[in-house]
Amino acid sequence: MITRREAALRLDIPLEMATRHGIPSRLTDEQLAEIEKNPPAWLVQSRANRTGKKPVWVQLTCDVCGFTEAARPKKWWPEFSYLTCNHHGYDELPAAVAGMRRTEYDGVGSRFIGIVDDEV
């Protein structure tokens, strides 16, 4: 059995859309395969409307320990130089290059801090 969240990831749709259109909270691999094989009209329309500019899901990976999670990207997320779990120390990342300014963004995914190195 897979969860609705996993089904949303595999179908590449927001979790809210899966809920709104009646994807059950748990379904079998066969049920999901049937949805992928014969997508309902709302799923066909959703895929047709996609511009491709922003992904529905992104894979976040800690550059220190390798922990990963899938998350919905937020509009305010810049292009991160590094991602780190919020419990890692600042000294566990490579030092910023001379002439670069380092900025931290809390609240990325469920447990990440995004690091951006940009020119001063």
PDB file of N, CA and C in Angstrom:
ATOM      1  N   MET A   1       0.838  -1.188   0.000  1.00  0.00           N
ATOM      2  CA  MET A   1       0.000   0.000   0.000  1.00  0.00           C
ATOM      3  C   MET A   1       0.881   1.249   0.000  1.00  0.00           C
ATOM      4  N   ILE A   2       0.451   2.233  -0.740  1.00  0.00           N
ATOM      5  CA  ILE A   2       1.157   3.505  -0.753  1.00  0.00           C
ATOM      6  C   ILE A   2       0.212   4.595  -0.246  1.00  0.00           C
ATOM      7  N   THR A   3       0.795   5.662   0.249  1.00  0.00           N
ATOM      8  CA  THR A   3      -0.002   6.754   0.796  1.00  0.00           C
ATOM      9  C   THR A   3      -0.429   7.715  -0.307  1.00  0.00           C
ATOM     10  N   ARG A   4      -1.379   8.561   0.030  1.00  0.00           N
ATOM     11  CA  ARG A   4      -1.826   9.593  -0.905  1.00  0.00           C
ATOM     12  C   ARG A   4      -0.667  10.521  -1.281  1.00  0.00           C
ATOM     13  N   ARG A   5       0.181  10.817  -0.315  1.00  0.00           N
ATOM     14  CA  ARG A   5       1.335  11.691  -0.590  1.00  0.00           C
ATOM     15  C   ARG A   5       2.269  11.046  -1.604  1.00  0.00           C
ATOM     16  N   GLU A   6       2.554   9.762  -1.438  1.00  0.00           N
ATOM     17  CA  GLU A   6       3.412   9.056  -2.384  1.00  0.00           C
ATOM     18  C   GLU A   6       2.758   9.001  -3.768  1.00  0.00           C
ATOM     19  N   ALA A   7       1.444   8.793  -3.804  1.00  0.00           N
ATOM     20  CA  ALA A   7       0.731   8.802  -5.082  1.00  0.00           C
ATOM     21  C   ALA A   7       0.842  10.165  -5.752  1.00  0.00           C
ATOM     22  N   ALA A   8       0.697  11.237  -4.970  1.00  0.00           N
ATOM     23  CA  ALA A   8       0.836  12.585  -5.522  1.00  0.00           C
ATOM     24  C   ALA A   8       2.235  12.805  -6.079  1.00  0.00           C
ATOM     25  N   LEU A   9       3.238  12.322  -5.372  1.00  0.00           N
ATOM     26  CA  LEU A   9       4.612  12.427  -5.872  1.00  0.00           C
ATOM     27  C   LEU A   9       4.763  11.703  -7.202  1.00  0.00           C
ATOM     28  N   ARG A  10       4.276  10.484  -7.269  1.00  0.00           N
ATOM     29  CA  ARG A  10       4.419   9.684  -8.500  1.00  0.00           C
ATOM     30  C   ARG A  10       3.616  10.255  -9.655  1.00  0.00           C
ATOM     31  N   LEU A  11       2.445  10.830  -9.352  1.00  0.00           N
ATOM     32  CA  LEU A  11       1.625  11.444 -10.397  1.00  0.00           C
ATOM     33  C   LEU A  11       2.096  12.857 -10.729  1.00  0.00           C
ATOM     34  N   ASP A  12       3.010  13.390  -9.918  1.00  0.00           N
ATOM     35  CA  ASP A  12       3.548  14.738 -10.087  1.00  0.00           C
ATOM     36  C   ASP A  12       2.449  15.796 -10.000  1.00  0.00           C
ATOM     37  N   ILE A  13       1.641  15.662  -8.938  1.00  0.00           N
ATOM     38  CA  ILE A  13       0.574  16.628  -8.678  1.00  0.00           C
ATOM     39  C   ILE A  13       0.670  17.061  -7.221  1.00  0.00           C
ATOM     40  N   PRO A  14       0.126  18.227  -6.884  1.00  0.00           N
ATOM     41  CA  PRO A  14       0.107  18.652  -5.486  1.00  0.00           C
ATOM     42  C   PRO A  14      -0.761  17.711  -4.644  1.00  0.00           C
ATOM     43  N   LEU A  15      -0.391  17.565  -3.391  1.00  0.00           N
ATOM     44  CA  LEU A  15      -1.153  16.731  -2.466  1.00  0.00           C
ATOM     45  C   LEU A  15      -2.592  17.231  -2.343  1.00  0.00           C
ATOM     46  N   GLU A  16      -2.775  18.540  -2.365  1.00  0.00           N
ATOM     47  CA  GLU A  16      -4.117  19.123  -2.270  1.00  0.00           C
ATOM     48  C   GLU A  16      -4.992  18.666  -3.442  1.00  0.00           C
ATOM     49  N   MET A  17      -4.410  18.585  -4.632  1.00  0.00           N
ATOM     50  CA  MET A  17      -5.161  18.152  -5.804  1.00  0.00           C
ATOM     51  C   MET A  17      -5.553  16.674  -5.675  1.00  0.00           C
ATOM     52  N   ALA A  18      -4.646  15.860  -5.161  1.00  0.00           N
ATOM     53  CA  ALA A  18      -4.956  14.441  -4.963  1.00  0.00           C
ATOM     54  C   ALA A  18      -6.127  14.286  -3.998  1.00  0.00           C
ATOM     55  N   THR A  19      -6.130  15.061  -2.936  1.00  0.00           N
ATOM     56  CA  THR A  19      -7.218  15.004  -1.959  1.00  0.00           C
ATOM     57  C   THR A  19      -8.529  15.477  -2.577  1.00  0.00           C
ATOM     58  N   ARG A  20      -8.467  16.612  -3.261  1.00  0.00           N
ATOM     59  CA  ARG A  20      -9.673  17.216  -3.849  1.00  0.00           C
ATOM     60  C   ARG A  20     -10.338  16.282  -4.857  1.00  0.00           C
ATOM     61  N   HIS A  21      -9.543  15.491  -5.581  1.00  0.00           N
ATOM     62  CA  HIS A  21     -10.102  14.633  -6.621  1.00  0.00           C
ATOM     63  C   HIS A  21     -10.292  13.185  -6.184  1.00  0.00           C
ATOM     64  N   GLY A  22     -10.276  12.965  -4.867  1.00  0.00           N
ATOM     65  CA  GLY A  22     -10.690  11.676  -4.351  1.00  0.00           C
ATOM     66  C   GLY A  22      -9.670  10.560  -4.375  1.00  0.00           C
ATOM     67  N   ILE A  23      -8.377  10.887  -4.510  1.00  0.00           N
ATOM     68  CA  ILE A  23      -7.365   9.839  -4.381  1.00  0.00           C
ATOM     69  C   ILE A  23      -7.441   9.358  -2.930  1.00  0.00           C
ATOM     70  N   PRO A  24      -7.638   8.054  -2.700  1.00  0.00           N
ATOM     71  CA  PRO A  24      -7.782   7.578  -1.321  1.00  0.00           C
ATOM     72  C   PRO A  24      -6.511   7.758  -0.501  1.00  0.00           C
ATOM     73  N   SER A  25      -6.662   7.732   0.816  1.00  0.00           N
ATOM     74  CA  SER A  25      -5.511   7.935   1.695  1.00  0.00           C
ATOM     75  C   SER A  25      -4.494   6.806   1.557  1.00  0.00           C
ATOM     76  N   ARG A  26      -4.932   5.635   1.185  1.00  0.00           N
ATOM     77  CA  ARG A  26      -4.044   4.503   0.896  1.00  0.00           C
ATOM     78  C   ARG A  26      -4.568   3.800  -0.347  1.00  0.00           C
ATOM     79  N   LEU A  27      -3.651   3.427  -1.238  1.00  0.00           N
ATOM     80  CA  LEU A  27      -4.043   2.681  -2.420  1.00  0.00           C
ATOM     81  C   LEU A  27      -2.935   1.701  -2.794  1.00  0.00           C
ATOM     82  N   THR A  28      -3.300   0.731  -3.589  1.00  0.00           N
ATOM     83  CA  THR A  28      -2.327  -0.286  -3.989  1.00  0.00           C
ATOM     84  C   THR A  28      -1.539   0.200  -5.201  1.00  0.00           C
ATOM     85  N   ASP A  29      -0.427  -0.469  -5.462  1.00  0.00           N
ATOM     86  CA  ASP A  29       0.353  -0.145  -6.659  1.00  0.00           C
ATOM     87  C   ASP A  29      -0.480  -0.361  -7.921  1.00  0.00           C
ATOM     88  N   GLU A  30      -1.353  -1.369  -7.894  1.00  0.00           N
ATOM     89  CA  GLU A  30      -2.198  -1.649  -9.052  1.00  0.00           C
ATOM     90  C   GLU A  30      -3.188  -0.507  -9.302  1.00  0.00           C
ATOM     91  N   GLN A  31      -3.764   0.035  -8.222  1.00  0.00           N
ATOM     92  CA  GLN A  31      -4.693   1.159  -8.368  1.00  0.00           C
ATOM     93  C   GLN A  31      -3.977   2.380  -8.954  1.00  0.00           C
ATOM     94  N   LEU A  32      -2.760   2.646  -8.472  1.00  0.00           N
ATOM     95  CA  LEU A  32      -2.003   3.781  -8.995  1.00  0.00           C
ATOM     96  C   LEU A  32      -1.626   3.539 -10.454  1.00  0.00           C
ATOM     97  N   ALA A  33      -1.223   2.323 -10.778  1.00  0.00           N
ATOM     98  CA  ALA A  33      -0.879   2.001 -12.169  1.00  0.00           C
ATOM     99  C   ALA A  33      -2.081   2.224 -13.082  1.00  0.00           C
ATOM    100  N   GLU A  34      -3.269   1.899 -12.606  1.00  0.00           N
ATOM    101  CA  GLU A  34      -4.485   2.105 -13.392  1.00  0.00           C
ATOM    102  C   GLU A  34      -4.738   3.599 -13.616  1.00  0.00           C
ATOM    103  N   ILE A  35      -4.516   4.418 -12.589  1.00  0.00           N
ATOM    104  CA  ILE A  35      -4.676   5.873 -12.739  1.00  0.00           C
ATOM    105  C   ILE A  35      -3.670   6.410 -13.752  1.00  0.00           C
ATOM    106  N   GLU A  36      -2.437   5.918 -13.696  1.00  0.00           N
ATOM    107  CA  GLU A  36      -1.418   6.370 -14.647  1.00  0.00           C
ATOM    108  C   GLU A  36      -1.728   5.895 -16.064  1.00  0.00           C
ATOM    109  N   LYS A  37      -2.250   4.676 -16.185  1.00  0.00           N
ATOM    110  CA  LYS A  37      -2.557   4.099 -17.498  1.00  0.00           C
ATOM    111  C   LYS A  37      -3.760   4.789 -18.131  1.00  0.00           C
ATOM    112  N   ASN A  38      -4.798   5.021 -17.332  1.00  0.00           N
ATOM    113  CA  ASN A  38      -6.032   5.664 -17.797  1.00  0.00           C
ATOM    114  C   ASN A  38      -6.319   6.882 -16.927  1.00  0.00           C
ATOM    115  N   PRO A  39      -5.569   7.978 -17.126  1.00  0.00           N
ATOM    116  CA  PRO A  39      -5.745   9.136 -16.237  1.00  0.00           C
ATOM    117  C   PRO A  39      -7.131   9.760 -16.387  1.00  0.00           C
ATOM    118  N   PRO A  40      -7.714  10.174 -15.257  1.00  0.00           N
ATOM    119  CA  PRO A  40      -9.002  10.867 -15.317  1.00  0.00           C
ATOM    120  C   PRO A  40      -8.844  12.226 -16.010  1.00  0.00           C
ATOM    121  N   ALA A  41      -9.962  12.793 -16.418  1.00  0.00           N
ATOM    122  CA  ALA A  41      -9.938  14.046 -17.174  1.00  0.00           C
ATOM    123  C   ALA A  41      -9.219  15.169 -16.429  1.00  0.00           C
ATOM    124  N   TRP A  42      -9.423  15.266 -15.110  1.00  0.00           N
ATOM    125  CA  TRP A  42      -8.784  16.338 -14.341  1.00  0.00           C
ATOM    126  C   TRP A  42      -7.263  16.212 -14.351  1.00  0.00           C
ATOM    127  N   LEU A  43      -6.744  14.973 -14.375  1.00  0.00           N
ATOM    128  CA  LEU A  43      -5.296  14.769 -14.405  1.00  0.00           C
ATOM    129  C   LEU A  43      -4.737  15.100 -15.786  1.00  0.00           C
ATOM    130  N   VAL A  44      -5.445  14.723 -16.812  1.00  0.00           N
ATOM    131  CA  VAL A  44      -5.027  15.066 -18.182  1.00  0.00           C
ATOM    132  C   VAL A  44      -4.981  16.584 -18.334  1.00  0.00           C
ATOM    133  N   GLN A  45      -6.027  17.267 -17.846  1.00  0.00           N
ATOM    134  CA  GLN A  45      -6.092  18.732 -17.945  1.00  0.00           C
ATOM    135  C   GLN A  45      -4.976  19.386 -17.141  1.00  0.00           C
ATOM    136  N   SER A  46      -4.703  18.873 -15.949  1.00  0.00           N
ATOM    137  CA  SER A  46      -3.637  19.423 -15.107  1.00  0.00           C
ATOM    138  C   SER A  46      -2.289  19.330 -15.819  1.00  0.00           C
ATOM    139  N   ARG A  47      -2.022  18.194 -16.407  1.00  0.00           N
ATOM    140  CA  ARG A  47      -0.746  18.014 -17.123  1.00  0.00           C
ATOM    141  C   ARG A  47      -0.666  18.892 -18.360  1.00  0.00           C
ATOM    142  N   ALA A  48      -1.795  19.095 -19.034  1.00  0.00           N
ATOM    143  CA  ALA A  48      -1.816  19.946 -20.224  1.00  0.00           C
ATOM    144  C   ALA A  48      -1.588  21.411 -19.869  1.00  0.00           C
ATOM    145  N   ASN A  49      -2.026  21.825 -18.679  1.00  0.00           N
ATOM    146  CA  ASN A  49      -1.898  23.218 -18.255  1.00  0.00           C
ATOM    147  C   ASN A  49      -0.507  23.571 -17.743  1.00  0.00           C
ATOM    148  N   ARG A  50       0.317  22.592 -17.537  1.00  0.00           N
ATOM    149  CA  ARG A  50       1.633  22.842 -16.952  1.00  0.00           C
ATOM    150  C   ARG A  50       2.546  23.589 -17.920  1.00  0.00           C
ATOM    151  N   THR A  51       3.187  24.619 -17.423  1.00  0.00           N
ATOM    152  CA  THR A  51       4.105  25.395 -18.262  1.00  0.00           C
ATOM    153  C   THR A  51       5.525  24.865 -18.194  1.00  0.00           C
ATOM    154  N   GLY A  52       5.820  24.092 -17.159  1.00  0.00           N
ATOM    155  CA  GLY A  52       7.167  23.551 -17.014  1.00  0.00           C
ATOM    156  C   GLY A  52       8.136  24.504 -16.343  1.00  0.00           C
ATOM    157  N   LYS A  53       7.689  25.698 -15.965  1.00  0.00           N
ATOM    158  CA  LYS A  53       8.579  26.674 -15.344  1.00  0.00           C
ATOM    159  C   LYS A  53       8.945  26.294 -13.919  1.00  0.00           C
ATOM    160  N   LYS A  54       7.990  25.746 -13.179  1.00  0.00           N
ATOM    161  CA  LYS A  54       8.214  25.421 -11.777  1.00  0.00           C
ATOM    162  C   LYS A  54       7.817  23.970 -11.535  1.00  0.00           C
ATOM    163  N   PRO A  55       8.718  23.166 -10.976  1.00  0.00           N
ATOM    164  CA  PRO A  55       8.352  21.778 -10.711  1.00  0.00           C
ATOM    165  C   PRO A  55       7.313  21.693  -9.599  1.00  0.00           C
ATOM    166  N   VAL A  56       6.509  20.633  -9.627  1.00  0.00           N
ATOM    167  CA  VAL A  56       5.498  20.428  -8.593  1.00  0.00           C
ATOM    168  C   VAL A  56       6.169  19.956  -7.308  1.00  0.00           C
ATOM    169  N   TRP A  57       7.160  19.087  -7.426  1.00  0.00           N
ATOM    170  CA  TRP A  57       7.907  18.553  -6.285  1.00  0.00           C
ATOM    171  C   TRP A  57       9.390  18.695  -6.569  1.00  0.00           C
ATOM    172  N   VAL A  58      10.179  18.921  -5.521  1.00  0.00           N
ATOM    173  CA  VAL A  58      11.643  18.917  -5.638  1.00  0.00           C
ATOM    174  C   VAL A  58      12.201  17.971  -4.586  1.00  0.00           C
ATOM    175  N   GLN A  59      13.354  17.429  -4.863  1.00  0.00           N
ATOM    176  CA  GLN A  59      14.036  16.553  -3.913  1.00  0.00           C
ATOM    177  C   GLN A  59      15.079  17.397  -3.189  1.00  0.00           C
ATOM    178  N   LEU A  60      14.951  17.524  -1.876  1.00  0.00           N
ATOM    179  CA  LEU A  60      15.903  18.266  -1.056  1.00  0.00           C
ATOM    180  C   LEU A  60      16.876  17.272  -0.435  1.00  0.00           C
ATOM    181  N   THR A  61      18.162  17.563  -0.518  1.00  0.00           N
ATOM    182  CA  THR A  61      19.185  16.665   0.024  1.00  0.00           C
ATOM    183  C   THR A  61      20.176  17.481   0.836  1.00  0.00           C
ATOM    184  N   CYS A  62      20.434  17.043   2.066  1.00  0.00           N
ATOM    185  CA  CYS A  62      21.406  17.708   2.926  1.00  0.00           C
ATOM    186  C   CYS A  62      22.801  17.472   2.361  1.00  0.00           C
ATOM    187  N   ASP A  63      23.565  18.547   2.218  1.00  0.00           N
ATOM    188  CA  ASP A  63      24.933  18.444   1.702  1.00  0.00           C
ATOM    189  C   ASP A  63      25.908  17.934   2.750  1.00  0.00           C
ATOM    190  N   VAL A  64      25.474  17.783   3.995  1.00  0.00           N
ATOM    191  CA  VAL A  64      26.350  17.266   5.055  1.00  0.00           C
ATOM    192  C   VAL A  64      26.121  15.775   5.267  1.00  0.00           C
ATOM    193  N   CYS A  65      24.866  15.378   5.533  1.00  0.00           N
ATOM    194  CA  CYS A  65      24.595  13.975   5.896  1.00  0.00           C
ATOM    195  C   CYS A  65      23.880  13.173   4.818  1.00  0.00           C
ATOM    196  N   GLY A  66      23.341  13.842   3.792  1.00  0.00           N
ATOM    197  CA  GLY A  66      22.672  13.127   2.717  1.00  0.00           C
ATOM    198  C   GLY A  66      21.197  12.843   2.941  1.00  0.00           C
ATOM    199  N   PHE A  67      20.612  13.307   4.065  1.00  0.00           N
ATOM    200  CA  PHE A  67      19.183  13.114   4.305  1.00  0.00           C
ATOM    201  C   PHE A  67      18.401  13.763   3.168  1.00  0.00           C
ATOM    202  N   THR A  68      17.364  13.084   2.672  1.00  0.00           N
ATOM    203  CA  THR A  68      16.561  13.635   1.583  1.00  0.00           C
ATOM    204  C   THR A  68      15.086  13.630   1.943  1.00  0.00           C
ATOM    205  N   GLU A  69      14.358  14.550   1.318  1.00  0.00           N
ATOM    206  CA  GLU A  69      12.902  14.567   1.410  1.00  0.00           C
ATOM    207  C   GLU A  69      12.365  15.270   0.175  1.00  0.00           C
ATOM    208  N   ALA A  70      11.151  14.902  -0.188  1.00  0.00           N
ATOM    209  CA  ALA A  70      10.463  15.579  -1.286  1.00  0.00           C
ATOM    210  C   ALA A  70       9.640  16.702  -0.683  1.00  0.00           C
ATOM    211  N   ALA A  71       9.619  17.844  -1.358  1.00  0.00           N
ATOM    212  CA  ALA A  71       8.869  18.997  -0.852  1.00  0.00           C
ATOM    213  C   ALA A  71       8.314  19.793  -2.023  1.00  0.00           C
ATOM    214  N   ARG A  72       7.280  20.548  -1.747  1.00  0.00           N
ATOM    215  CA  ARG A  72       6.741  21.475  -2.738  1.00  0.00           C
ATOM    216  C   ARG A  72       7.599  22.725  -2.706  1.00  0.00           C
ATOM    217  N   PRO A  73       8.174  23.150  -3.832  1.00  0.00           N
ATOM    218  CA  PRO A  73       9.011  24.349  -3.830  1.00  0.00           C
ATOM    219  C   PRO A  73       8.181  25.605  -3.571  1.00  0.00           C
ATOM    220  N   LYS A  74       8.794  26.550  -2.901  1.00  0.00           N
ATOM    221  CA  LYS A  74       8.122  27.814  -2.594  1.00  0.00           C
ATOM    222  C   LYS A  74       8.644  28.895  -3.536  1.00  0.00           C
ATOM    223  N   LYS A  75       7.808  29.875  -3.810  1.00  0.00           N
ATOM    224  CA  LYS A  75       8.187  30.949  -4.718  1.00  0.00           C
ATOM    225  C   LYS A  75       9.393  31.734  -4.221  1.00  0.00           C
ATOM    226  N   TRP A  76       9.536  31.821  -2.895  1.00  0.00           N
ATOM    227  CA  TRP A  76      10.607  32.638  -2.325  1.00  0.00           C
ATOM    228  C   TRP A  76      11.943  31.921  -2.281  1.00  0.00           C
ATOM    229  N   TRP A  77      12.002  30.631  -2.624  1.00  0.00           N
ATOM    230  CA  TRP A  77      13.271  29.918  -2.564  1.00  0.00           C
ATOM    231  C   TRP A  77      14.194  30.384  -3.675  1.00  0.00           C
ATOM    232  N   PRO A  78      15.349  30.893  -3.318  1.00  0.00           N
ATOM    233  CA  PRO A  78      16.336  31.216  -4.352  1.00  0.00           C
ATOM    234  C   PRO A  78      17.065  29.935  -4.783  1.00  0.00           C
ATOM    235  N   GLU A  79      18.009  30.057  -5.659  1.00  0.00           N
ATOM    236  CA  GLU A  79      18.867  28.928  -6.030  1.00  0.00           C
ATOM    237  C   GLU A  79      19.876  28.758  -4.904  1.00  0.00           C
ATOM    238  N   PHE A  80      19.782  27.659  -4.155  1.00  0.00           N
ATOM    239  CA  PHE A  80      20.637  27.459  -2.999  1.00  0.00           C
ATOM    240  C   PHE A  80      22.015  26.946  -3.403  1.00  0.00           C
ATOM    241  N   SER A  81      23.043  27.474  -2.745  1.00  0.00           N
ATOM    242  CA  SER A  81      24.396  26.951  -2.921  1.00  0.00           C
ATOM    243  C   SER A  81      24.549  25.647  -2.156  1.00  0.00           C
ATOM    244  N   TYR A  82      23.944  25.589  -0.956  1.00  0.00           N
ATOM    245  CA  TYR A  82      23.982  24.399  -0.108  1.00  0.00           C
ATOM    246  C   TYR A  82      22.652  24.259   0.610  1.00  0.00           C
ATOM    247  N   LEU A  83      22.311  23.024   0.953  1.00  0.00           N
ATOM    248  CA  LEU A  83      21.191  22.729   1.844  1.00  0.00           C
ATOM    249  C   LEU A  83      21.747  21.909   2.990  1.00  0.00           C
ATOM    250  N   THR A  84      21.339  22.247   4.200  1.00  0.00           N
ATOM    251  CA  THR A  84      21.808  21.514   5.364  1.00  0.00           C
ATOM    252  C   THR A  84      20.662  21.321   6.340  1.00  0.00           C
ATOM    253  N   CYS A  85      20.663  20.199   7.040  1.00  0.00           N
ATOM    254  CA  CYS A  85      19.668  19.976   8.089  1.00  0.00           C
ATOM    255  C   CYS A  85      19.856  21.045   9.159  1.00  0.00           C
ATOM    256  N   ASN A  86      18.787  21.414   9.832  1.00  0.00           N
ATOM    257  CA  ASN A  86      18.875  22.502  10.804  1.00  0.00           C
ATOM    258  C   ASN A  86      19.678  22.151  12.052  1.00  0.00           C
ATOM    259  N   HIS A  87      20.047  20.892  12.246  1.00  0.00           N
ATOM    260  CA  HIS A  87      20.836  20.524  13.432  1.00  0.00           C
ATOM    261  C   HIS A  87      22.345  20.496  13.162  1.00  0.00           C
ATOM    262  N   HIS A  88      22.764  20.669  11.912  1.00  0.00           N
ATOM    263  CA  HIS A  88      24.200  20.682  11.610  1.00  0.00           C
ATOM    264  C   HIS A  88      24.807  22.039  11.955  1.00  0.00           C
ATOM    265  N   GLY A  89      26.059  22.012  12.323  1.00  0.00           N
ATOM    266  CA  GLY A  89      26.768  23.244  12.642  1.00  0.00           C
ATOM    267  C   GLY A  89      27.205  23.980  11.384  1.00  0.00           C
ATOM    268  N   TYR A  90      27.367  25.280  11.537  1.00  0.00           N
ATOM    269  CA  TYR A  90      27.791  26.135  10.429  1.00  0.00           C
ATOM    270  C   TYR A  90      29.163  25.708   9.893  1.00  0.00           C
ATOM    271  N   ASP A  91      30.004  25.174  10.793  1.00  0.00           N
ATOM    272  CA  ASP A  91      31.358  24.786  10.416  1.00  0.00           C
ATOM    273  C   ASP A  91      31.410  23.471   9.639  1.00  0.00           C
ATOM    274  N   GLU A  92      30.286  22.789   9.459  1.00  0.00           N
ATOM    275  CA  GLU A  92      30.271  21.537   8.706  1.00  0.00           C
ATOM    276  C   GLU A  92      30.167  21.750   7.200  1.00  0.00           C
ATOM    277  N   LEU A  93      29.936  22.990   6.779  1.00  0.00           N
ATOM    278  CA  LEU A  93      29.889  23.328   5.358  1.00  0.00           C
ATOM    279  C   LEU A  93      31.217  23.935   4.924  1.00  0.00           C
ATOM    280  N   PRO A  94      31.533  23.868   3.629  1.00  0.00           N
ATOM    281  CA  PRO A  94      32.739  24.564   3.168  1.00  0.00           C
ATOM    282  C   PRO A  94      32.626  26.061   3.448  1.00  0.00           C
ATOM    283  N   ALA A  95      33.738  26.692   3.724  1.00  0.00           N
ATOM    284  CA  ALA A  95      33.734  28.136   3.986  1.00  0.00           C
ATOM    285  C   ALA A  95      33.360  28.891   2.710  1.00  0.00           C
ATOM    286  N   ALA A  96      32.747  30.049   2.908  1.00  0.00           N
ATOM    287  CA  ALA A  96      32.400  30.891   1.762  1.00  0.00           C
ATOM    288  C   ALA A  96      33.679  31.378   1.095  1.00  0.00           C
ATOM    289  N   VAL A  97      33.655  31.438  -0.204  1.00  0.00           N
ATOM    290  CA  VAL A  97      34.802  31.898  -0.979  1.00  0.00           C
ATOM    291  C   VAL A  97      35.015  33.390  -0.721  1.00  0.00           C
ATOM    292  N   ALA A  98      36.262  33.826  -0.736  1.00  0.00           N
ATOM    293  CA  ALA A  98      36.570  35.246  -0.519  1.00  0.00           C
ATOM    294  C   ALA A  98      35.797  36.095  -1.535  1.00  0.00           C
ATOM    295  N   GLY A  99      35.229  37.175  -1.052  1.00  0.00           N
ATOM    296  CA  GLY A  99      34.460  38.066  -1.912  1.00  0.00           C
ATOM    297  C   GLY A  99      33.001  37.650  -2.070  1.00  0.00           C
ATOM    298  N   MET A 100      32.589  36.611  -1.370  1.00  0.00           N
ATOM    299  CA  MET A 100      31.203  36.147  -1.430  1.00  0.00           C
ATOM    300  C   MET A 100      30.520  36.391  -0.083  1.00  0.00           C
ATOM    301  N   ARG A 101      29.244  36.677  -0.119  1.00  0.00           N
ATOM    302  CA  ARG A 101      28.449  36.882   1.082  1.00  0.00           C
ATOM    303  C   ARG A 101      27.557  35.653   1.252  1.00  0.00           C
ATOM    304  N   ARG A 102      27.461  35.161   2.469  1.00  0.00           N
ATOM    305  CA  ARG A 102      26.656  33.971   2.750  1.00  0.00           C
ATOM    306  C   ARG A 102      25.373  34.393   3.461  1.00  0.00           C
ATOM    307  N   THR A 103      24.233  33.890   2.955  1.00  0.00           N
ATOM    308  CA  THR A 103      22.932  34.174   3.531  1.00  0.00           C
ATOM    309  C   THR A 103      22.229  32.852   3.832  1.00  0.00           C
ATOM    310  N   GLU A 104      21.569  32.776   4.992  1.00  0.00           N
ATOM    311  CA  GLU A 104      20.836  31.572   5.387  1.00  0.00           C
ATOM    312  C   GLU A 104      19.334  31.812   5.259  1.00  0.00           C
ATOM    313  N   TYR A 105      18.620  30.773   4.814  1.00  0.00           N
ATOM    314  CA  TYR A 105      17.167  30.805   4.711  1.00  0.00           C
ATOM    315  C   TYR A 105      16.610  29.640   5.518  1.00  0.00           C
ATOM    316  N   ASP A 106      15.961  29.949   6.640  1.00  0.00           N
ATOM    317  CA  ASP A 106      15.329  28.919   7.466  1.00  0.00           C
ATOM    318  C   ASP A 106      13.997  28.503   6.855  1.00  0.00           C
ATOM    319  N   GLY A 107      13.521  27.342   7.248  1.00  0.00           N
ATOM    320  CA  GLY A 107      12.181  26.912   6.849  1.00  0.00           C
ATOM    321  C   GLY A 107      12.094  26.323   5.465  1.00  0.00           C
ATOM    322  N   VAL A 108      13.160  25.719   4.989  1.00  0.00           N
ATOM    323  CA  VAL A 108      13.134  25.056   3.691  1.00  0.00           C
ATOM    324  C   VAL A 108      12.758  23.599   3.948  1.00  0.00           C
ATOM    325  N   GLY A 109      11.650  23.159   3.387  1.00  0.00           N
ATOM    326  CA  GLY A 109      11.170  21.815   3.682  1.00  0.00           C
ATOM    327  C   GLY A 109      10.824  21.701   5.157  1.00  0.00           C
ATOM    328  N   SER A 110      10.934  20.505   5.697  1.00  0.00           N
ATOM    329  CA  SER A 110      10.564  20.310   7.096  1.00  0.00           C
ATOM    330  C   SER A 110      11.711  20.538   8.058  1.00  0.00           C
ATOM    331  N   ARG A 111      12.974  20.520   7.559  1.00  0.00           N
ATOM    332  CA  ARG A 111      14.098  20.588   8.498  1.00  0.00           C
ATOM    333  C   ARG A 111      15.369  21.191   7.921  1.00  0.00           C
ATOM    334  N   PHE A 112      15.284  21.864   6.795  1.00  0.00           N
ATOM    335  CA  PHE A 112      16.482  22.342   6.127  1.00  0.00           C
ATOM    336  C   PHE A 112      16.703  23.841   6.302  1.00  0.00           C
ATOM    337  N   ILE A 113      17.960  24.218   6.164  1.00  0.00           N
ATOM    338  CA  ILE A 113      18.374  25.610   6.042  1.00  0.00           C
ATOM    339  C   ILE A 113      19.041  25.722   4.682  1.00  0.00           C
ATOM    340  N   GLY A 114      18.577  26.662   3.880  1.00  0.00           N
ATOM    341  CA  GLY A 114      19.185  26.908   2.586  1.00  0.00           C
ATOM    342  C   GLY A 114      20.275  27.946   2.716  1.00  0.00           C
ATOM    343  N   ILE A 115      21.397  27.697   2.072  1.00  0.00           N
ATOM    344  CA  ILE A 115      22.537  28.615   2.116  1.00  0.00           C
ATOM    345  C   ILE A 115      22.760  29.156   0.698  1.00  0.00           C
ATOM    346  N   VAL A 116      22.885  30.468   0.596  1.00  0.00           N
ATOM    347  CA  VAL A 116      23.172  31.103  -0.680  1.00  0.00           C
ATOM    348  C   VAL A 116      24.463  31.898  -0.551  1.00  0.00           C
ATOM    349  N   ASP A 117      25.413  31.608  -1.417  1.00  0.00           N
ATOM    350  CA  ASP A 117      26.634  32.390  -1.515  1.00  0.00           C
ATOM    351  C   ASP A 117      26.521  33.254  -2.756  1.00  0.00           C
ATOM    352  N   ASP A 118      26.583  34.576  -2.573  1.00  0.00           N
ATOM    353  CA  ASP A 118      26.533  35.469  -3.731  1.00  0.00           C
ATOM    354  C   ASP A 118      27.563  36.574  -3.582  1.00  0.00           C
ATOM    355  N   GLU A 119      27.845  37.253  -4.677  1.00  0.00           N
ATOM    356  CA  GLU A 119      28.870  38.289  -4.683  1.00  0.00           C
ATOM    357  C   GLU A 119      28.441  39.469  -3.823  1.00  0.00           C
ATOM    358  N   VAL A 120      29.427  40.057  -3.173  1.00  0.00           N
ATOM    359  CA  VAL A 120      29.168  41.206  -2.307  1.00  0.00           C
ATOM    360  C   VAL A 120      28.878  42.436  -3.136  1.00  0.00           C
TER     361      VAL A 120
END
